[in-house]
Amino acid sequence: MHSISPITTHLIIFVLAIYVGYHVVWNVTPALHTPLMAVTNAVSAIVIVGAMLAAGLTVGAPGKTFGALAVALAAVNVFGGFLVTRRMLEMFRKKDSGKAARHAGKGAAL
């Protein structure tokens, strides 16, 4: 009996990861989106470290190229995630607090 090639195994795992990830993310309630983004940023930071190790330990040029590409894409994901998280947190801030602080400063000066 022939064994399954490693490429086929990796492709099956990749497709299953996409399927599970899609269903996990789309079934999250809106109240949990910000914490989910924070966790995703942490996981992406770990991916950057792994990609740097993989790129640094690879002997061939294609491996180093793909490793550098993985570092770049993971970095874009981390920085974009932080921007999205900051924007989402600004949506929950009270808009009146800034106006109240400015009015309080004007009243104290008079």
C-alpha atoms as a PDB file:
ATOM      1  CA  MET A   1       0.000   0.000   0.000  1.00  0.00           C
ATOM      2  CA  HIS A   2       1.336   3.422  -0.937  1.00  0.00           C
ATOM      3  CA  SER A   3       1.564   6.179   1.625  1.00  0.00           C
ATOM      4  CA  ILE A   4       0.070   9.610   1.039  1.00  0.00           C
ATOM      5  CA  SER A   5       2.594  12.203  -0.081  1.00  0.00           C
ATOM      6  CA  PRO A   6       3.465  14.964   2.405  1.00  0.00           C
ATOM      7  CA  ILE A   7       2.281  17.617  -0.066  1.00  0.00           C
ATOM      8  CA  THR A   8      -1.200  16.093  -0.107  1.00  0.00           C
ATOM      9  CA  THR A   9      -1.273  15.908   3.688  1.00  0.00           C
ATOM     10  CA  HIS A  10      -0.206  19.544   4.023  1.00  0.00           C
ATOM     11  CA  LEU A  11      -2.770  20.633   1.431  1.00  0.00           C
ATOM     12  CA  ILE A  12      -5.554  18.811   3.304  1.00  0.00           C
ATOM     13  CA  ILE A  13      -4.510  20.434   6.600  1.00  0.00           C
ATOM     14  CA  PHE A  14      -4.401  23.857   4.907  1.00  0.00           C
ATOM     15  CA  VAL A  15      -7.900  23.479   3.445  1.00  0.00           C
ATOM     16  CA  LEU A  16      -9.285  22.255   6.784  1.00  0.00           C
ATOM     17  CA  ALA A  17      -7.651  25.211   8.579  1.00  0.00           C
ATOM     18  CA  ILE A  18      -9.320  27.625   6.151  1.00  0.00           C
ATOM     19  CA  TYR A  19     -12.700  25.939   6.667  1.00  0.00           C
ATOM     20  CA  VAL A  20     -12.475  25.891  10.468  1.00  0.00           C
ATOM     21  CA  GLY A  21     -11.082  29.446  10.605  1.00  0.00           C
ATOM     22  CA  TYR A  22     -13.902  30.761   8.443  1.00  0.00           C
ATOM     23  CA  HIS A  23     -16.581  29.228  10.647  1.00  0.00           C
ATOM     24  CA  VAL A  24     -14.904  30.291  13.884  1.00  0.00           C
ATOM     25  CA  VAL A  25     -14.506  33.935  12.831  1.00  0.00           C
ATOM     26  CA  TRP A  26     -17.966  34.360  11.299  1.00  0.00           C
ATOM     27  CA  ASN A  27     -19.731  32.904  14.350  1.00  0.00           C
ATOM     28  CA  VAL A  28     -18.180  35.379  16.810  1.00  0.00           C
ATOM     29  CA  THR A  29     -20.593  37.849  18.384  1.00  0.00           C
ATOM     30  CA  PRO A  30     -19.854  41.532  17.642  1.00  0.00           C
ATOM     31  CA  ALA A  31     -19.012  42.212  21.302  1.00  0.00           C
ATOM     32  CA  LEU A  32     -16.017  39.881  21.050  1.00  0.00           C
ATOM     33  CA  HIS A  33     -14.470  41.300  17.870  1.00  0.00           C
ATOM     34  CA  THR A  34     -11.992  43.583  19.676  1.00  0.00           C
ATOM     35  CA  PRO A  35     -10.623  40.857  21.994  1.00  0.00           C
ATOM     36  CA  LEU A  36     -10.442  38.504  19.015  1.00  0.00           C
ATOM     37  CA  MET A  37      -8.376  41.058  17.097  1.00  0.00           C
ATOM     38  CA  ALA A  38      -6.005  41.421  20.055  1.00  0.00           C
ATOM     39  CA  VAL A  39      -5.465  37.657  20.193  1.00  0.00           C
ATOM     40  CA  THR A  40      -5.009  37.531  16.428  1.00  0.00           C
ATOM     41  CA  ASN A  41      -2.309  40.215  16.697  1.00  0.00           C
ATOM     42  CA  ALA A  42      -0.491  38.143  19.317  1.00  0.00           C
ATOM     43  CA  VAL A  43      -0.658  35.014  17.153  1.00  0.00           C
ATOM     44  CA  SER A  44       0.608  36.968  14.144  1.00  0.00           C
ATOM     45  CA  ALA A  45       3.544  38.231  16.207  1.00  0.00           C
ATOM     46  CA  ILE A  46       4.427  34.611  16.986  1.00  0.00           C
ATOM     47  CA  VAL A  47       4.166  33.837  13.266  1.00  0.00           C
ATOM     48  CA  ILE A  48       6.714  36.605  12.590  1.00  0.00           C
ATOM     49  CA  VAL A  49       9.189  35.005  14.998  1.00  0.00           C
ATOM     50  CA  GLY A  50       8.649  31.586  13.409  1.00  0.00           C
ATOM     51  CA  ALA A  51       9.018  32.998   9.901  1.00  0.00           C
ATOM     52  CA  MET A  52      12.274  34.728  10.850  1.00  0.00           C
ATOM     53  CA  LEU A  53      13.619  31.485  12.298  1.00  0.00           C
ATOM     54  CA  ALA A  54      12.545  29.528   9.226  1.00  0.00           C
ATOM     55  CA  ALA A  55      14.054  32.090   6.861  1.00  0.00           C
ATOM     56  CA  GLY A  56      17.297  32.271   8.831  1.00  0.00           C
ATOM     57  CA  LEU A  57      17.783  28.509   9.096  1.00  0.00           C
ATOM     58  CA  THR A  58      16.958  27.741   5.453  1.00  0.00           C
ATOM     59  CA  VAL A  59      19.889  26.965   3.182  1.00  0.00           C
ATOM     60  CA  GLY A  60      18.396  27.557  -0.272  1.00  0.00           C
ATOM     61  CA  ALA A  61      17.428  30.832  -1.887  1.00  0.00           C
ATOM     62  CA  PRO A  62      13.736  29.914  -2.434  1.00  0.00           C
ATOM     63  CA  GLY A  63      13.331  29.127   1.267  1.00  0.00           C
ATOM     64  CA  LYS A  64      14.877  32.445   2.275  1.00  0.00           C
ATOM     65  CA  THR A  65      12.658  34.277  -0.220  1.00  0.00           C
ATOM     66  CA  PHE A  66       9.485  32.622   1.035  1.00  0.00           C
ATOM     67  CA  GLY A  67      10.595  33.196   4.634  1.00  0.00           C
ATOM     68  CA  ALA A  68      11.150  36.903   3.981  1.00  0.00           C
ATOM     69  CA  LEU A  69       7.748  37.069   2.270  1.00  0.00           C
ATOM     70  CA  ALA A  70       6.140  35.379   5.283  1.00  0.00           C
ATOM     71  CA  VAL A  71       7.775  37.909   7.636  1.00  0.00           C
ATOM     72  CA  ALA A  72       6.544  40.817   5.501  1.00  0.00           C
ATOM     73  CA  LEU A  73       2.965  39.517   5.255  1.00  0.00           C
ATOM     74  CA  ALA A  74       2.774  38.728   8.968  1.00  0.00           C
ATOM     75  CA  ALA A  75       4.116  42.205   9.799  1.00  0.00           C
ATOM     76  CA  VAL A  76       1.432  43.809   7.616  1.00  0.00           C
ATOM     77  CA  ASN A  77      -1.147  41.679   9.416  1.00  0.00           C
ATOM     78  CA  VAL A  78       0.098  42.727  12.872  1.00  0.00           C
ATOM     79  CA  PHE A  79       0.285  46.455  12.120  1.00  0.00           C
ATOM     80  CA  GLY A  80      -3.051  46.432  10.299  1.00  0.00           C
ATOM     81  CA  GLY A  81      -4.603  44.539  13.194  1.00  0.00           C
ATOM     82  CA  PHE A  82      -3.384  47.130  15.680  1.00  0.00           C
ATOM     83  CA  LEU A  83      -4.814  49.931  13.537  1.00  0.00           C
ATOM     84  CA  VAL A  84      -8.177  48.185  13.278  1.00  0.00           C
ATOM     85  CA  THR A  85      -8.209  47.460  17.031  1.00  0.00           C
ATOM     86  CA  ARG A  86      -7.438  51.111  17.830  1.00  0.00           C
ATOM     87  CA  ARG A  87     -10.185  52.275  15.490  1.00  0.00           C
ATOM     88  CA  MET A  88     -12.689  49.866  17.047  1.00  0.00           C
ATOM     89  CA  LEU A  89     -11.786  51.020  20.558  1.00  0.00           C
ATOM     90  CA  GLU A  90     -12.273  54.656  19.511  1.00  0.00           C
ATOM     91  CA  MET A  91     -15.838  53.769  18.515  1.00  0.00           C
ATOM     92  CA  PHE A  92     -16.581  52.866  22.144  1.00  0.00           C
ATOM     93  CA  ARG A  93     -15.147  56.082  23.623  1.00  0.00           C
ATOM     94  CA  LYS A  94     -17.535  58.749  24.773  1.00  0.00           C
ATOM     95  CA  LYS A  95     -17.464  61.700  22.429  1.00  0.00           C
ATOM     96  CA  ASP A  96     -18.720  64.148  25.082  1.00  0.00           C
ATOM     97  CA  SER A  97     -15.708  63.614  27.386  1.00  0.00           C
ATOM     98  CA  GLY A  98     -13.403  65.633  25.111  1.00  0.00           C
ATOM     99  CA  LYS A  99     -15.888  68.514  24.833  1.00  0.00           C
ATOM    100  CA  ALA A 100     -16.524  68.514  28.585  1.00  0.00           C
ATOM    101  CA  ALA A 101     -12.809  68.727  29.326  1.00  0.00           C
ATOM    102  CA  ARG A 102     -12.402  71.685  26.935  1.00  0.00           C
ATOM    103  CA  HIS A 103     -15.381  73.505  28.453  1.00  0.00           C
ATOM    104  CA  ALA A 104     -14.110  72.863  31.970  1.00  0.00           C
ATOM    105  CA  GLY A 105     -10.751  74.370  31.010  1.00  0.00           C
ATOM    106  CA  LYS A 106     -12.438  77.523  29.633  1.00  0.00           C
ATOM    107  CA  GLY A 107     -14.591  77.888  32.739  1.00  0.00           C
ATOM    108  CA  ALA A 108     -11.610  77.620  35.052  1.00  0.00           C
ATOM    109  CA  ALA A 109      -9.751  80.348  33.144  1.00  0.00           C
ATOM    110  CA  LEU A 110     -12.598  82.849  33.517  1.00  0.00           C
END
